[in-house]
Amino acid sequence: EKSKVIGSIGLHKDRKRENKSACMMGYVLGEDYWGQGYATEAARAVIKYAFERMNASILSVYHYSFNERSKSVISKCGFKFEGVLRCSTVTQRGEIFDDCCYSMTREEYMNTY
């Protein structure tokens, strides 16, 4: 309505896996738009694209341990929790955070979606 960018979502090569057909999904959403289902809707469309168009064998997604909203989006989309990579991300401000890791395989996608 206002022609305003409210967030972004995308797919990247998963830098934490050597598998060449592994993709990683990342997203951000402006705080004014949290809790309205936008991130979940966009993530489901990107998941479909990753498996049906990019032929990904596995799709991963990560969130910082304190980001409960992102954890909720990831859970709603059907990803499986893999574990925590401790002290794995350094922000532009030099802060170091743990990454909570999730993934979905092609087979899991086919059985879920």
C-alpha atoms as a PDB file:
ATOM      1  CA  GLU A   1       0.000   0.000   0.000  1.00  0.00           C
ATOM      2  CA  LYS A   2       2.832   2.400   0.875  1.00  0.00           C
ATOM      3  CA  SER A   3       5.388   0.780  -1.471  1.00  0.00           C
ATOM      4  CA  LYS A   4       7.648   0.235   1.529  1.00  0.00           C
ATOM      5  CA  VAL A   5      10.110  -2.613   2.043  1.00  0.00           C
ATOM      6  CA  ILE A   6       9.192  -4.424   5.262  1.00  0.00           C
ATOM      7  CA  GLY A   7      11.794  -7.194   5.149  1.00  0.00           C
ATOM      8  CA  SER A   8      13.714  -9.604   2.979  1.00  0.00           C
ATOM      9  CA  ILE A   9      14.149 -13.336   2.510  1.00  0.00           C
ATOM     10  CA  GLY A  10      16.536 -15.336   0.406  1.00  0.00           C
ATOM     11  CA  LEU A  11      18.455 -18.503  -0.306  1.00  0.00           C
ATOM     12  CA  HIS A  12      22.206 -18.866  -0.167  1.00  0.00           C
ATOM     13  CA  LYS A  13      24.769 -21.630  -0.373  1.00  0.00           C
ATOM     14  CA  ASP A  14      24.960 -23.165   3.077  1.00  0.00           C
ATOM     15  CA  ARG A  15      28.435 -22.089   4.183  1.00  0.00           C
ATOM     16  CA  LYS A  16      28.381 -24.646   6.991  1.00  0.00           C
ATOM     17  CA  ARG A  17      27.905 -27.704   4.728  1.00  0.00           C
ATOM     18  CA  GLU A  18      30.126 -29.086   1.987  1.00  0.00           C
ATOM     19  CA  ASN A  19      27.139 -30.599   0.154  1.00  0.00           C
ATOM     20  CA  LYS A  20      26.830 -28.611  -3.103  1.00  0.00           C
ATOM     21  CA  SER A  21      23.048 -28.973  -3.223  1.00  0.00           C
ATOM     22  CA  ALA A  22      22.609 -27.660   0.338  1.00  0.00           C
ATOM     23  CA  CYS A  23      20.903 -24.287   0.643  1.00  0.00           C
ATOM     24  CA  MET A  24      20.461 -21.949   3.559  1.00  0.00           C
ATOM     25  CA  MET A  25      17.456 -19.677   4.032  1.00  0.00           C
ATOM     26  CA  GLY A  26      17.772 -16.319   5.740  1.00  0.00           C
ATOM     27  CA  TYR A  27      15.221 -13.635   6.472  1.00  0.00           C
ATOM     28  CA  VAL A  28      14.615 -10.371   8.306  1.00  0.00           C
ATOM     29  CA  LEU A  29      11.371  -8.543   8.992  1.00  0.00           C
ATOM     30  CA  GLY A  30      10.754  -5.063  10.351  1.00  0.00           C
ATOM     31  CA  GLU A  31       9.556  -5.070  13.954  1.00  0.00           C
ATOM     32  CA  ASP A  32       6.299  -3.285  13.050  1.00  0.00           C
ATOM     33  CA  TYR A  33       5.304  -6.392  11.053  1.00  0.00           C
ATOM     34  CA  TRP A  34       6.146  -9.125  13.570  1.00  0.00           C
ATOM     35  CA  GLY A  35       3.391 -11.535  14.589  1.00  0.00           C
ATOM     36  CA  GLN A  36       1.292 -11.065  11.458  1.00  0.00           C
ATOM     37  CA  GLY A  37       2.320 -14.258   9.628  1.00  0.00           C
ATOM     38  CA  TYR A  38       4.399 -12.562   6.932  1.00  0.00           C
ATOM     39  CA  ALA A  39       7.647 -14.362   7.752  1.00  0.00           C
ATOM     40  CA  THR A  40       5.985 -17.782   7.896  1.00  0.00           C
ATOM     41  CA  GLU A  41       4.152 -17.214   4.606  1.00  0.00           C
ATOM     42  CA  ALA A  42       7.308 -16.023   2.856  1.00  0.00           C
ATOM     43  CA  ALA A  43       9.396 -18.862   4.323  1.00  0.00           C
ATOM     44  CA  ARG A  44       6.959 -21.496   3.076  1.00  0.00           C
ATOM     45  CA  ALA A  45       7.140 -20.043  -0.450  1.00  0.00           C
ATOM     46  CA  VAL A  46      10.954 -20.034  -0.338  1.00  0.00           C
ATOM     47  CA  ILE A  47      11.032 -23.617   0.978  1.00  0.00           C
ATOM     48  CA  LYS A  48       8.904 -24.694  -1.976  1.00  0.00           C
ATOM     49  CA  TYR A  49      11.197 -22.824  -4.366  1.00  0.00           C
ATOM     50  CA  ALA A  50      14.339 -24.384  -2.849  1.00  0.00           C
ATOM     51  CA  PHE A  51      13.120 -27.938  -3.259  1.00  0.00           C
ATOM     52  CA  GLU A  52      10.998 -27.684  -6.398  1.00  0.00           C
ATOM     53  CA  ARG A  53      13.005 -25.192  -8.475  1.00  0.00           C
ATOM     54  CA  MET A  54      16.551 -25.288  -7.120  1.00  0.00           C
ATOM     55  CA  ASN A  55      16.497 -29.042  -6.488  1.00  0.00           C
ATOM     56  CA  ALA A  56      18.058 -28.644  -3.030  1.00  0.00           C
ATOM     57  CA  SER A  57      18.806 -31.848  -1.140  1.00  0.00           C
ATOM     58  CA  ILE A  58      18.690 -30.099   2.232  1.00  0.00           C
ATOM     59  CA  LEU A  59      17.643 -26.649   3.404  1.00  0.00           C
ATOM     60  CA  SER A  60      18.960 -25.152   6.608  1.00  0.00           C
ATOM     61  CA  VAL A  61      17.975 -22.147   8.651  1.00  0.00           C
ATOM     62  CA  TYR A  62      19.538 -20.613  11.748  1.00  0.00           C
ATOM     63  CA  HIS A  63      18.534 -18.212  14.498  1.00  0.00           C
ATOM     64  CA  TYR A  64      20.289 -16.663  17.461  1.00  0.00           C
ATOM     65  CA  SER A  65      19.457 -18.400  20.745  1.00  0.00           C
ATOM     66  CA  PHE A  66      17.532 -15.386  22.083  1.00  0.00           C
ATOM     67  CA  ASN A  67      15.317 -14.956  18.980  1.00  0.00           C
ATOM     68  CA  GLU A  68      12.104 -16.719  19.998  1.00  0.00           C
ATOM     69  CA  ARG A  69      10.058 -15.201  17.150  1.00  0.00           C
ATOM     70  CA  SER A  70      12.366 -16.646  14.524  1.00  0.00           C
ATOM     71  CA  LYS A  71      12.318 -19.980  16.348  1.00  0.00           C
ATOM     72  CA  SER A  72       8.521 -19.930  16.062  1.00  0.00           C
ATOM     73  CA  VAL A  73       8.605 -19.294  12.295  1.00  0.00           C
ATOM     74  CA  ILE A  74      11.096 -22.119  11.805  1.00  0.00           C
ATOM     75  CA  SER A  75       8.984 -24.506  13.876  1.00  0.00           C
ATOM     76  CA  LYS A  76       5.767 -23.630  11.999  1.00  0.00           C
ATOM     77  CA  CYS A  77       7.521 -24.439   8.732  1.00  0.00           C
ATOM     78  CA  GLY A  78       8.446 -27.965   9.845  1.00  0.00           C
ATOM     79  CA  PHE A  79      12.223 -27.754  10.209  1.00  0.00           C
ATOM     80  CA  LYS A  80      13.978 -30.224  12.501  1.00  0.00           C
ATOM     81  CA  PHE A  81      16.302 -28.966  15.245  1.00  0.00           C
ATOM     82  CA  GLU A  82      19.909 -30.090  14.714  1.00  0.00           C
ATOM     83  CA  GLY A  83      21.692 -28.391  17.583  1.00  0.00           C
ATOM     84  CA  VAL A  84      23.571 -25.258  18.583  1.00  0.00           C
ATOM     85  CA  LEU A  85      26.810 -24.027  17.061  1.00  0.00           C
ATOM     86  CA  ARG A  86      28.319 -22.138  19.942  1.00  0.00           C
ATOM     87  CA  CYS A  87      30.031 -18.795  19.327  1.00  0.00           C
ATOM     88  CA  SER A  88      29.601 -19.229  15.567  1.00  0.00           C
ATOM     89  CA  THR A  89      28.507 -15.811  14.294  1.00  0.00           C
ATOM     90  CA  VAL A  90      30.255 -12.481  14.690  1.00  0.00           C
ATOM     91  CA  THR A  91      28.064  -9.460  13.916  1.00  0.00           C
ATOM     92  CA  GLN A  92      29.225  -6.256  12.238  1.00  0.00           C
ATOM     93  CA  ARG A  93      29.420  -4.734  15.740  1.00  0.00           C
ATOM     94  CA  GLY A  94      31.741  -7.513  16.902  1.00  0.00           C
ATOM     95  CA  GLU A  95      29.157  -9.338  19.029  1.00  0.00           C
ATOM     96  CA  ILE A  96      29.485 -13.123  19.100  1.00  0.00           C
ATOM     97  CA  PHE A  97      26.347 -15.277  19.156  1.00  0.00           C
ATOM     98  CA  ASP A  98      25.391 -18.937  19.132  1.00  0.00           C
ATOM     99  CA  ASP A  99      23.483 -20.253  16.107  1.00  0.00           C
ATOM    100  CA  CYS A 100      20.542 -22.596  16.660  1.00  0.00           C
ATOM    101  CA  CYS A 101      20.530 -24.887  13.626  1.00  0.00           C
ATOM    102  CA  TYR A 102      17.571 -26.472  11.861  1.00  0.00           C
ATOM    103  CA  SER A 103      17.178 -28.311   8.587  1.00  0.00           C
ATOM    104  CA  MET A 104      14.703 -29.991   6.276  1.00  0.00           C
ATOM    105  CA  THR A 105      15.671 -32.669   3.752  1.00  0.00           C
ATOM    106  CA  ARG A 106      14.044 -33.119   0.362  1.00  0.00           C
ATOM    107  CA  GLU A 107      12.356 -36.281   1.653  1.00  0.00           C
ATOM    108  CA  GLU A 108      10.956 -34.454   4.685  1.00  0.00           C
ATOM    109  CA  TYR A 109       9.676 -31.696   2.398  1.00  0.00           C
ATOM    110  CA  MET A 110       7.928 -34.224   0.133  1.00  0.00           C
ATOM    111  CA  ASN A 111       6.258 -35.834   3.152  1.00  0.00           C
ATOM    112  CA  THR A 112       5.232 -32.523   4.737  1.00  0.00           C
ATOM    113  CA  TYR A 113       4.190 -30.175   1.936  1.00  0.00           C
END
